[in-house]
C-alpha atoms as a PDB file:
ATOM      1  CA  ARG A   1       0.000   0.000   0.000  1.00  0.00           C
ATOM      2  CA  ASP A   2       2.852   2.411   0.846  1.00  0.00           C
ATOM      3  CA  ARG A   3       4.365   1.759  -2.576  1.00  0.00           C
ATOM      4  CA  ARG A   4       1.079   2.517  -4.348  1.00  0.00           C
ATOM      5  CA  ASP A   5       0.758   5.768  -2.408  1.00  0.00           C
ATOM      6  CA  GLN A   6       4.281   6.841  -3.293  1.00  0.00           C
ATOM      7  CA  LEU A   7       3.748   6.071  -6.990  1.00  0.00           C
ATOM      8  CA  ALA A   8       0.500   8.008  -6.965  1.00  0.00           C
ATOM      9  CA  TYR A   9       2.262  10.837  -5.151  1.00  0.00           C
ATOM     10  CA  GLN A  10       4.927  10.998  -7.855  1.00  0.00           C
ATOM     11  CA  GLY A  11       2.197  11.130 -10.479  1.00  0.00           C
ATOM     12  CA  VAL A  12       0.757  14.378  -9.168  1.00  0.00           C
ATOM     13  CA  MET A  13       3.987  16.162  -8.362  1.00  0.00           C
ATOM     14  CA  ASP A  14       4.041  17.917 -11.714  1.00  0.00           C
ATOM     15  CA  THR A  15       0.818  19.712 -10.844  1.00  0.00           C
ATOM     16  CA  GLU A  16       1.604  20.411  -7.196  1.00  0.00           C
ATOM     17  CA  GLN A  17       2.928  23.844  -6.309  1.00  0.00           C
ATOM     18  CA  ASP A  18       5.113  22.734  -3.418  1.00  0.00           C
ATOM     19  CA  THR A  19       7.042  25.970  -3.223  1.00  0.00           C
ATOM     20  CA  PRO A  20       4.934  28.947  -2.088  1.00  0.00           C
ATOM     21  CA  ALA A  21       4.196  31.424  -4.867  1.00  0.00           C
ATOM     22  CA  ASP A  22       5.737  34.281  -2.912  1.00  0.00           C
ATOM     23  CA  SER A  23       9.082  32.494  -2.484  1.00  0.00           C
ATOM     24  CA  ALA A  24      11.977  33.768  -4.540  1.00  0.00           C
ATOM     25  CA  PRO A  25      14.568  31.320  -5.903  1.00  0.00           C
ATOM     26  CA  ARG A  26      17.722  31.005  -3.853  1.00  0.00           C
ATOM     27  CA  HIS A  27      20.749  32.925  -5.060  1.00  0.00           C
ATOM     28  CA  GLU A  28      23.543  30.601  -6.129  1.00  0.00           C
ATOM     29  CA  GLU A  29      25.631  31.399  -3.061  1.00  0.00           C
ATOM     30  CA  ALA A  30      22.689  30.356  -0.871  1.00  0.00           C
ATOM     31  CA  GLU A  31      22.329  26.955  -2.501  1.00  0.00           C
ATOM     32  CA  GLY A  32      25.604  25.686  -1.114  1.00  0.00           C
ATOM     33  CA  VAL A  33      24.481  26.167   2.500  1.00  0.00           C
ATOM     34  CA  ALA A  34      20.826  25.179   2.069  1.00  0.00           C
ATOM     35  CA  GLU A  35      21.107  21.530   3.142  1.00  0.00           C
ATOM     36  CA  GLU A  36      23.189  22.317   6.218  1.00  0.00           C
ATOM     37  CA  GLU A  37      20.788  25.013   7.391  1.00  0.00           C
ATOM     38  CA  GLU A  38      17.681  22.953   6.620  1.00  0.00           C
ATOM     39  CA  SER A  39      18.938  20.015   8.655  1.00  0.00           C
ATOM     40  CA  THR A  40      19.732  22.345  11.557  1.00  0.00           C
ATOM     41  CA  ARG A  41      16.291  23.934  11.344  1.00  0.00           C
ATOM     42  CA  GLN A  42      14.533  20.579  11.376  1.00  0.00           C
ATOM     43  CA  GLU A  43      16.366  19.641  14.559  1.00  0.00           C
ATOM     44  CA  GLU A  44      14.844  22.577  16.434  1.00  0.00           C
ATOM     45  CA  PRO A  45      12.584  21.409  19.281  1.00  0.00           C
ATOM     46  CA  ALA A  46       8.874  21.014  18.607  1.00  0.00           C
ATOM     47  CA  HIS A  47       6.113  22.152  20.959  1.00  0.00           C
ATOM     48  CA  ALA A  48       6.698  19.395  23.525  1.00  0.00           C
ATOM     49  CA  ASP A  49      10.254  20.584  24.206  1.00  0.00           C
ATOM     50  CA  GLY A  50      10.131  24.217  23.139  1.00  0.00           C
ATOM     51  CA  PRO A  51       7.854  27.150  22.301  1.00  0.00           C
ATOM     52  CA  ASP A  52       4.378  26.707  20.888  1.00  0.00           C
ATOM     53  CA  PRO A  53       4.804  26.738  17.065  1.00  0.00           C
ATOM     54  CA  MET A  54       1.862  29.136  16.793  1.00  0.00           C
ATOM     55  CA  SER A  55       3.771  31.687  18.894  1.00  0.00           C
ATOM     56  CA  LEU A  56       6.556  31.784  16.290  1.00  0.00           C
ATOM     57  CA  PRO A  57       6.543  33.887  13.076  1.00  0.00           C
ATOM     58  CA  PRO A  58       4.579  32.532  10.101  1.00  0.00           C
ATOM     59  CA  HIS A  59       5.979  30.977   6.947  1.00  0.00           C
ATOM     60  CA  GLY A  60       7.583  33.504   4.578  1.00  0.00           C
ATOM     61  CA  THR A  61       9.268  35.640   7.235  1.00  0.00           C
ATOM     62  CA  GLU A  62      12.833  34.306   6.900  1.00  0.00           C
ATOM     63  CA  VAL A  63      15.361  36.145   4.718  1.00  0.00           C
ATOM     64  CA  PHE A  64      18.744  34.799   3.589  1.00  0.00           C
ATOM     65  CA  VAL A  65      21.476  37.472   3.793  1.00  0.00           C
ATOM     66  CA  SER A  66      24.773  36.916   1.980  1.00  0.00           C
ATOM     67  CA  LYS A  67      28.005  38.762   1.112  1.00  0.00           C
ATOM     68  CA  ILE A  68      28.305  39.877   4.731  1.00  0.00           C
ATOM     69  CA  PRO A  69      31.791  41.180   5.611  1.00  0.00           C
ATOM     70  CA  ARG A  70      33.530  38.563   7.711  1.00  0.00           C
ATOM     71  CA  GLU A  71      34.271  41.085  10.472  1.00  0.00           C
ATOM     72  CA  ALA A  72      30.626  42.191  10.850  1.00  0.00           C
ATOM     73  CA  THR A  73      29.002  41.558  14.229  1.00  0.00           C
ATOM     74  CA  ASP A  74      25.554  40.378  15.277  1.00  0.00           C
ATOM     75  CA  ALA A  75      24.727  43.878  16.529  1.00  0.00           C
ATOM     76  CA  GLN A  76      25.677  45.487  13.209  1.00  0.00           C
ATOM     77  CA  LEU A  77      23.606  43.009  11.212  1.00  0.00           C
ATOM     78  CA  LEU A  78      20.639  43.369  13.583  1.00  0.00           C
ATOM     79  CA  SER A  79      20.715  47.149  13.216  1.00  0.00           C
ATOM     80  CA  PHE A  80      20.922  46.845   9.421  1.00  0.00           C
ATOM     81  CA  CYS A  81      18.000  44.413   9.162  1.00  0.00           C
ATOM     82  CA  GLU A  82      15.782  46.531  11.426  1.00  0.00           C
ATOM     83  CA  SER A  83      16.600  49.792   9.620  1.00  0.00           C
ATOM     84  CA  THR A  84      13.343  49.462   7.652  1.00  0.00           C
ATOM     85  CA  GLY A  85      11.362  49.890  10.871  1.00  0.00           C
ATOM     86  CA  HIS A  86      10.367  46.226  11.164  1.00  0.00           C
ATOM     87  CA  LYS A  87      11.467  44.176  14.160  1.00  0.00           C
ATOM     88  CA  LEU A  88      13.304  40.866  13.909  1.00  0.00           C
ATOM     89  CA  HIS A  89      12.224  37.778  15.788  1.00  0.00           C
ATOM     90  CA  SER A  90      15.749  36.359  15.483  1.00  0.00           C
ATOM     91  CA  VAL A  91      18.914  36.506  13.404  1.00  0.00           C
ATOM     92  CA  ARG A  92      21.453  33.698  12.909  1.00  0.00           C
ATOM     93  CA  LEU A  93      24.824  35.026  11.789  1.00  0.00           C
ATOM     94  CA  THR A  94      26.832  31.879  11.092  1.00  0.00           C
ATOM     95  CA  LYS A  95      30.206  31.980  12.816  1.00  0.00           C
ATOM     96  CA  ASP A  96      33.459  30.691  11.356  1.00  0.00           C
ATOM     97  CA  PRO A  97      34.860  28.196  13.904  1.00  0.00           C
ATOM     98  CA  GLY A  98      38.281  28.369  12.298  1.00  0.00           C
ATOM     99  CA  ASN A  99      38.544  32.152  12.615  1.00  0.00           C
ATOM    100  CA  PRO A 100      37.479  33.543  16.004  1.00  0.00           C
ATOM    101  CA  GLY A 101      35.678  36.855  15.706  1.00  0.00           C
ATOM    102  CA  GLN A 102      34.657  36.243  12.088  1.00  0.00           C
ATOM    103  CA  ASN A 103      31.491  34.980  10.428  1.00  0.00           C
ATOM    104  CA  LYS A 104      31.022  32.781   7.342  1.00  0.00           C
ATOM    105  CA  GLY A 105      29.570  35.586   5.231  1.00  0.00           C
ATOM    106  CA  TYR A 106      25.894  34.676   5.469  1.00  0.00           C
ATOM    107  CA  ALA A 107      22.992  34.792   7.916  1.00  0.00           C
ATOM    108  CA  PHE A 108      19.285  34.073   8.286  1.00  0.00           C
ATOM    109  CA  ALA A 109      17.059  36.904   9.521  1.00  0.00           C
ATOM    110  CA  VAL A 110      13.534  36.056  10.719  1.00  0.00           C
ATOM    111  CA  TYR A 111      11.044  38.937  10.902  1.00  0.00           C
ATOM    112  CA  THR A 112       7.958  38.934  13.087  1.00  0.00           C
ATOM    113  CA  ASP A 113       5.655  39.173  10.058  1.00  0.00           C
ATOM    114  CA  ARG A 114       5.710  38.757   6.275  1.00  0.00           C
ATOM    115  CA  ASP A 115       5.545  42.505   5.655  1.00  0.00           C
ATOM    116  CA  GLY A 116       8.865  42.902   7.447  1.00  0.00           C
ATOM    117  CA  ALA A 117      10.533  40.302   5.225  1.00  0.00           C
ATOM    118  CA  THR A 118       9.023  41.776   2.052  1.00  0.00           C
ATOM    119  CA  ASP A 119      10.083  45.301   3.018  1.00  0.00           C
ATOM    120  CA  ALA A 120      13.630  44.115   3.713  1.00  0.00           C
ATOM    121  CA  LEU A 121      13.878  42.426   0.307  1.00  0.00           C
ATOM    122  CA  THR A 122      12.644  45.603  -1.399  1.00  0.00           C
ATOM    123  CA  LYS A 123      14.687  48.183   0.508  1.00  0.00           C
ATOM    124  CA  LEU A 124      17.847  46.442   1.740  1.00  0.00           C
ATOM    125  CA  ASN A 125      18.898  44.161  -1.118  1.00  0.00           C
ATOM    126  CA  GLN A 126      22.140  45.411  -2.689  1.00  0.00           C
ATOM    127  CA  THR A 127      22.608  48.168  -0.094  1.00  0.00           C
ATOM    128  CA  GLU A 128      25.742  48.843   1.936  1.00  0.00           C
ATOM    129  CA  LEU A 129      26.216  47.640   5.476  1.00  0.00           C
ATOM    130  CA  PRO A 130      27.020  50.670   7.668  1.00  0.00           C
ATOM    131  CA  ASP A 131      30.673  50.797   8.800  1.00  0.00           C
ATOM    132  CA  PHE A 132      31.647  48.782   5.691  1.00  0.00           C
ATOM    133  CA  PRO A 133      31.713  51.215   2.732  1.00  0.00           C
ATOM    134  CA  GLY A 134      31.293  49.532  -0.642  1.00  0.00           C
ATOM    135  CA  LYS A 135      30.138  46.236   0.885  1.00  0.00           C
ATOM    136  CA  LYS A 136      26.648  45.615  -0.499  1.00  0.00           C
ATOM    137  CA  LEU A 137      24.631  42.768   0.965  1.00  0.00           C
ATOM    138  CA  THR A 138      22.411  40.412  -1.039  1.00  0.00           C
ATOM    139  CA  LEU A 139      19.018  39.427   0.358  1.00  0.00           C
ATOM    140  CA  ALA A 140      16.702  36.657  -0.882  1.00  0.00           C
ATOM    141  CA  ARG A 141      13.643  35.026   0.640  1.00  0.00           C
ATOM    142  CA  SER A 142      14.523  31.754   2.361  1.00  0.00           C
ATOM    143  CA  GLU A 143      12.622  28.671   1.264  1.00  0.00           C
ATOM    144  CA  VAL A 144      11.619  26.879   4.452  1.00  0.00           C
ATOM    145  CA  LYS A 145       9.620  23.650   4.413  1.00  0.00           C
ATOM    146  CA  ASN A 146       6.074  23.911   5.758  1.00  0.00           C
ATOM    147  CA  LYS A 147       4.294  21.230   3.692  1.00  0.00           C
ATOM    148  CA  LEU A 148       3.795  17.518   4.433  1.00  0.00           C
ATOM    149  CA  PHE A 149       2.854  14.579   2.233  1.00  0.00           C
ATOM    150  CA  VAL A 150       0.351  12.288   3.996  1.00  0.00           C
ATOM    151  CA  GLY A 151      -0.341   8.792   2.633  1.00  0.00           C
ATOM    152  CA  ASN A 152      -2.454   5.809   3.740  1.00  0.00           C
ATOM    153  CA  ILE A 153      -5.482   8.022   4.394  1.00  0.00           C
ATOM    154  CA  PRO A 154      -8.586   5.780   4.600  1.00  0.00           C
ATOM    155  CA  ARG A 155     -10.318   6.121   1.230  1.00  0.00           C
ATOM    156  CA  THR A 156     -13.746   5.955   2.836  1.00  0.00           C
ATOM    157  CA  MET A 157     -13.186   9.246   4.712  1.00  0.00           C
ATOM    158  CA  ALA A 158     -14.546  12.522   3.327  1.00  0.00           C
ATOM    159  CA  ARG A 159     -12.271  15.563   3.191  1.00  0.00           C
ATOM    160  CA  GLU A 160     -14.166  17.255   6.048  1.00  0.00           C
ATOM    161  CA  ASP A 161     -13.708  14.210   8.284  1.00  0.00           C
ATOM    162  CA  VAL A 162      -9.988  13.954   7.494  1.00  0.00           C
ATOM    163  CA  LEU A 163      -9.456  17.648   8.260  1.00  0.00           C
ATOM    164  CA  GLU A 164     -11.491  17.484  11.476  1.00  0.00           C
ATOM    165  CA  LYS A 165      -9.487  14.501  12.758  1.00  0.00           C
ATOM    166  CA  ILE A 166      -6.134  16.079  11.882  1.00  0.00           C
ATOM    167  CA  ASN A 167      -7.095  19.406  13.478  1.00  0.00           C
ATOM    168  CA  SER A 168      -7.975  17.520  16.668  1.00  0.00           C
ATOM    169  CA  GLU A 169      -4.406  16.179  16.760  1.00  0.00           C
ATOM    170  CA  VAL A 170      -2.229  19.084  15.603  1.00  0.00           C
ATOM    171  CA  SER A 171      -2.286  22.873  15.257  1.00  0.00           C
ATOM    172  CA  GLY A 172      -1.401  25.252  12.469  1.00  0.00           C
ATOM    173  CA  VAL A 173      -2.991  23.544   9.443  1.00  0.00           C
ATOM    174  CA  THR A 174      -3.767  26.198   6.827  1.00  0.00           C
ATOM    175  CA  GLU A 175      -4.654  23.939   3.903  1.00  0.00           C
ATOM    176  CA  LEU A 176      -5.492  20.325   3.119  1.00  0.00           C
ATOM    177  CA  ASN A 177      -5.146  19.299  -0.518  1.00  0.00           C
ATOM    178  CA  LEU A 178      -6.681  15.821  -0.610  1.00  0.00           C
ATOM    179  CA  MET A 179      -6.251  14.032  -3.940  1.00  0.00           C
ATOM    180  CA  THR A 180      -9.574  12.736  -5.293  1.00  0.00           C
ATOM    181  CA  ASP A 181     -11.081  10.733  -8.168  1.00  0.00           C
ATOM    182  CA  ARG A 182     -14.463  11.491  -9.680  1.00  0.00           C
ATOM    183  CA  VAL A 183     -16.788   8.498  -9.361  1.00  0.00           C
ATOM    184  CA  ALA A 184     -20.503   7.945  -9.886  1.00  0.00           C
ATOM    185  CA  GLU A 185     -21.219   8.894  -6.262  1.00  0.00           C
ATOM    186  CA  GLY A 186     -19.178  12.105  -6.502  1.00  0.00           C
ATOM    187  CA  LEU A 187     -15.574  12.573  -5.372  1.00  0.00           C
ATOM    188  CA  LYS A 188     -13.628   9.814  -3.612  1.00  0.00           C
ATOM    189  CA  ASN A 189     -10.254  10.440  -2.009  1.00  0.00           C
ATOM    190  CA  ARG A 190      -7.253   8.593  -3.468  1.00  0.00           C
ATOM    191  CA  GLY A 191      -5.664   7.849  -0.103  1.00  0.00           C
ATOM    192  CA  PHE A 192      -3.126  10.652   0.012  1.00  0.00           C
ATOM    193  CA  GLY A 193      -2.803  14.425   0.073  1.00  0.00           C
ATOM    194  CA  PHE A 194      -0.789  17.421   1.235  1.00  0.00           C
ATOM    195  CA  LEU A 195      -0.970  19.479   4.430  1.00  0.00           C
ATOM    196  CA  VAL A 196       0.256  23.078   4.499  1.00  0.00           C
ATOM    197  CA  PHE A 197       1.123  24.614   7.876  1.00  0.00           C
ATOM    198  CA  TYR A 198       1.419  28.056   9.445  1.00  0.00           C
ATOM    199  CA  ASN A 199       5.185  27.635   9.762  1.00  0.00           C
ATOM    200  CA  HIS A 200       7.949  25.046   9.763  1.00  0.00           C
ATOM    201  CA  ALA A 201       7.728  24.422  13.507  1.00  0.00           C
ATOM    202  CA  ALA A 202       4.024  23.538  13.266  1.00  0.00           C
ATOM    203  CA  ALA A 203       4.725  21.201  10.328  1.00  0.00           C
ATOM    204  CA  GLU A 204       7.558  19.471  12.194  1.00  0.00           C
ATOM    205  CA  ALA A 205       5.438  19.004  15.308  1.00  0.00           C
ATOM    206  CA  ALA A 206       2.618  17.557  13.159  1.00  0.00           C
ATOM    207  CA  ARG A 207       5.022  15.240  11.318  1.00  0.00           C
ATOM    208  CA  LYS A 208       6.115  13.719  14.613  1.00  0.00           C
ATOM    209  CA  ARG A 209       2.645  13.482  16.129  1.00  0.00           C
ATOM    210  CA  LEU A 210       0.900  12.006  13.092  1.00  0.00           C
ATOM    211  CA  SER A 211       3.720   9.460  12.710  1.00  0.00           C
ATOM    212  CA  ARG A 212       3.562   8.195  16.283  1.00  0.00           C
ATOM    213  CA  PRO A 213       3.186   4.412  16.724  1.00  0.00           C
ATOM    214  CA  GLY A 214      -0.383   3.183  16.817  1.00  0.00           C
ATOM    215  CA  PHE A 215      -2.027   6.358  15.530  1.00  0.00           C
ATOM    216  CA  ARG A 216      -4.811   5.922  12.959  1.00  0.00           C
ATOM    217  CA  LEU A 217      -7.123   8.486  11.375  1.00  0.00           C
ATOM    218  CA  ASP A 218      -9.782   5.785  11.527  1.00  0.00           C
ATOM    219  CA  PRO A 219      -9.423   3.273  14.409  1.00  0.00           C
ATOM    220  CA  GLY A 220     -10.713   0.525  12.113  1.00  0.00           C
ATOM    221  CA  HIS A 221      -8.053   1.196   9.473  1.00  0.00           C
ATOM    222  CA  ASP A 222      -5.179  -1.307   9.293  1.00  0.00           C
ATOM    223  CA  PHE A 223      -2.425   1.018   8.111  1.00  0.00           C
ATOM    224  CA  ALA A 224      -0.500   3.794   9.848  1.00  0.00           C
ATOM    225  CA  LEU A 225      -0.209   7.099   8.039  1.00  0.00           C
ATOM    226  CA  THR A 226       2.822   7.782   5.864  1.00  0.00           C
ATOM    227  CA  VAL A 227       3.963  11.304   6.795  1.00  0.00           C
ATOM    228  CA  THR A 228       7.005  12.886   5.122  1.00  0.00           C
ATOM    229  CA  TRP A 229       8.167  16.288   3.977  1.00  0.00           C
ATOM    230  CA  ALA A 230       6.647  17.164   0.603  1.00  0.00           C
ATOM    231  CA  GLU A 231       9.207  17.337  -2.168  1.00  0.00           C
ATOM    232  CA  PRO A 232       9.574  20.643  -4.028  1.00  0.00           C
ATOM    233  CA  LYS A 233       8.178  20.991  -7.517  1.00  0.00           C
ATOM    234  CA  LYS A 234      10.552  19.949 -10.289  1.00  0.00           C
ATOM    235  CA  ALA A 235      11.661  23.489 -11.114  1.00  0.00           C
ATOM    236  CA  ASP A 236      13.099  23.795  -7.598  1.00  0.00           C
ATOM    237  CA  ALA A 237      14.217  20.175  -7.344  1.00  0.00           C
ATOM    238  CA  ALA A 238      16.771  21.002 -10.044  1.00  0.00           C
ATOM    239  CA  GLN A 239      18.700  22.908  -7.359  1.00  0.00           C
ATOM    240  CA  GLU A 240      19.564  19.562  -5.786  1.00  0.00           C
ATOM    241  CA  SER A 241      21.977  18.960  -8.667  1.00  0.00           C
ATOM    242  CA  VAL A 242      23.963  22.151  -7.981  1.00  0.00           C
ATOM    243  CA  ARG A 243      27.685  21.409  -7.622  1.00  0.00           C
ATOM    244  CA  SER A 244      29.012  24.974  -7.465  1.00  0.00           C
ATOM    245  CA  VAL A 245      30.409  26.823  -4.457  1.00  0.00           C
ATOM    246  CA  TYR A 246      30.426  30.616  -4.258  1.00  0.00           C
ATOM    247  CA  ILE A 247      33.736  32.060  -3.008  1.00  0.00           C
ATOM    248  CA  GLY A 248      33.578  35.657  -1.779  1.00  0.00           C
ATOM    249  CA  ASN A 249      36.004  38.258  -0.398  1.00  0.00           C
ATOM    250  CA  LEU A 250      38.870  37.042  -2.606  1.00  0.00           C
ATOM    251  CA  PRO A 251      42.147  38.948  -2.216  1.00  0.00           C
ATOM    252  CA  ALA A 252      43.589  40.827  -5.178  1.00  0.00           C
ATOM    253  CA  GLY A 253      46.281  38.183  -5.720  1.00  0.00           C
ATOM    254  CA  ALA A 254      43.874  35.257  -6.033  1.00  0.00           C
ATOM    255  CA  ASP A 255      44.064  33.164  -9.186  1.00  0.00           C
ATOM    256  CA  GLU A 256      42.689  29.895 -10.533  1.00  0.00           C
ATOM    257  CA  ALA A 257      45.720  27.843  -9.510  1.00  0.00           C
ATOM    258  CA  LYS A 258      45.525  28.992  -5.882  1.00  0.00           C
ATOM    259  CA  LEU A 259      41.808  28.258  -5.658  1.00  0.00           C
ATOM    260  CA  ARG A 260      42.319  24.800  -7.153  1.00  0.00           C
ATOM    261  CA  ASP A 261      45.080  24.126  -4.663  1.00  0.00           C
ATOM    262  CA  VAL A 262      42.833  25.002  -1.701  1.00  0.00           C
ATOM    263  CA  PHE A 263      39.526  23.509  -2.828  1.00  0.00           C
ATOM    264  CA  SER A 264      40.775  20.325  -4.511  1.00  0.00           C
ATOM    265  CA  ALA A 265      41.110  18.891  -0.989  1.00  0.00           C
ATOM    266  CA  TYR A 266      37.332  18.358  -1.001  1.00  0.00           C
ATOM    267  CA  GLY A 267      36.928  16.652  -4.369  1.00  0.00           C
ATOM    268  CA  LYS A 268      37.623  16.739  -8.083  1.00  0.00           C
ATOM    269  CA  ILE A 269      37.136  20.211  -9.572  1.00  0.00           C
ATOM    270  CA  ALA A 270      35.511  20.621 -12.983  1.00  0.00           C
ATOM    271  CA  SER A 271      36.291  24.313 -13.379  1.00  0.00           C
ATOM    272  CA  VAL A 272      37.060  27.550 -11.562  1.00  0.00           C
ATOM    273  CA  VAL A 273      35.467  30.840 -12.596  1.00  0.00           C
ATOM    274  CA  LEU A 274      36.872  34.177 -11.416  1.00  0.00           C
ATOM    275  CA  LEU A 275      34.794  37.250 -12.204  1.00  0.00           C
ATOM    276  CA  LYS A 276      36.699  40.177 -13.707  1.00  0.00           C
ATOM    277  CA  ASP A 277      36.068  43.865 -13.135  1.00  0.00           C
ATOM    278  CA  PRO A 278      34.090  45.038 -16.219  1.00  0.00           C
ATOM    279  CA  HIS A 279      36.036  48.324 -16.188  1.00  0.00           C
ATOM    280  CA  ASP A 280      39.487  46.782 -15.715  1.00  0.00           C
ATOM    281  CA  ALA A 281      40.078  43.254 -16.991  1.00  0.00           C
ATOM    282  CA  ALA A 282      43.280  43.032 -14.942  1.00  0.00           C
ATOM    283  CA  LYS A 283      41.325  43.236 -11.684  1.00  0.00           C
ATOM    284  CA  LEU A 284      39.055  40.695 -10.019  1.00  0.00           C
ATOM    285  CA  ARG A 285      35.589  41.537  -8.738  1.00  0.00           C
ATOM    286  CA  GLY A 286      36.372  39.864  -5.429  1.00  0.00           C
ATOM    287  CA  TYR A 287      34.420  36.652  -5.917  1.00  0.00           C
ATOM    288  CA  GLY A 288      34.159  33.552  -8.050  1.00  0.00           C
ATOM    289  CA  PHE A 289      32.840  29.989  -8.254  1.00  0.00           C
ATOM    290  CA  VAL A 290      34.392  26.554  -7.868  1.00  0.00           C
ATOM    291  CA  HIS A 291      32.460  23.933  -9.851  1.00  0.00           C
ATOM    292  CA  TYR A 292      32.901  20.364  -8.594  1.00  0.00           C
ATOM    293  CA  GLU A 293      32.217  17.167 -10.501  1.00  0.00           C
ATOM    294  CA  GLU A 294      30.196  15.789  -7.563  1.00  0.00           C
ATOM    295  CA  ARG A 295      27.624  17.578  -5.382  1.00  0.00           C
ATOM    296  CA  ALA A 296      28.984  15.816  -2.295  1.00  0.00           C
ATOM    297  CA  SER A 297      32.319  17.570  -2.840  1.00  0.00           C
ATOM    298  CA  ALA A 298      30.623  20.966  -2.933  1.00  0.00           C
ATOM    299  CA  LEU A 299      28.726  20.246   0.280  1.00  0.00           C
ATOM    300  CA  LYS A 300      31.913  19.048   1.973  1.00  0.00           C
ATOM    301  CA  ALA A 301      33.741  22.230   0.955  1.00  0.00           C
ATOM    302  CA  VAL A 302      30.971  24.365   2.452  1.00  0.00           C
ATOM    303  CA  ASP A 303      30.781  22.317   5.654  1.00  0.00           C
ATOM    304  CA  GLU A 304      34.517  22.276   6.331  1.00  0.00           C
END
């Protein structure tokens, strides 16, 4: 039964909009840190061990900030992000463990509401960080998971009954998209669907609760629910094949040979691209890309 559900799930993925319409694509430099940050986020405590998910900001409030000067502090970034007049719920400026007092050049800023995130993207993207003349930061909306795939739903249950039972177990459901077939009696559910939640924390808490041993939507049903994170639509799934690593703050003397020497320790390099100053071909623009032959090598380079 699980196998049939998964095959049916794959069959509707082309029509499912698993990435919210208001989410912007990640910038290339964000893609290299996405998996690490997502795994960290999913390890955050759910309601039983931490704050009520409904007390946290809603989906769409997290902004990815990159090209941050390595010497910038939490206080400086906080002041910059709140310069639009919107308050932050939290900011995570990733520290560089190998260089005390420095960060890794990127952070995640979570606003208290969606308007704050939208205003930041409009007003702060490609603007200078105070105290760092000429250093313009790049902002993009973070894509945070808040959608679950649910399989093994009893086919005899109506949508209203499924939603009522789920709402009695978890909080934060904003949408149930139950797959159906048209039959002579009307619409009959196909045994699987998608749940959209208020935020990631609510979705994670629901994933754990609906997957607990012995739980059934219908006590007379033989099968436990299959509850997993919904996969992104194919346009975004293509990001999973990215094998490039963004390298910023390069010194003036950097060249391809030096980058290969440093980054070949993590895997076989396909190519190195150094961006030139459009006004002076002899000068670098301060950043470039290392393209690996394997994605695992790129992830290892970012992690280490």
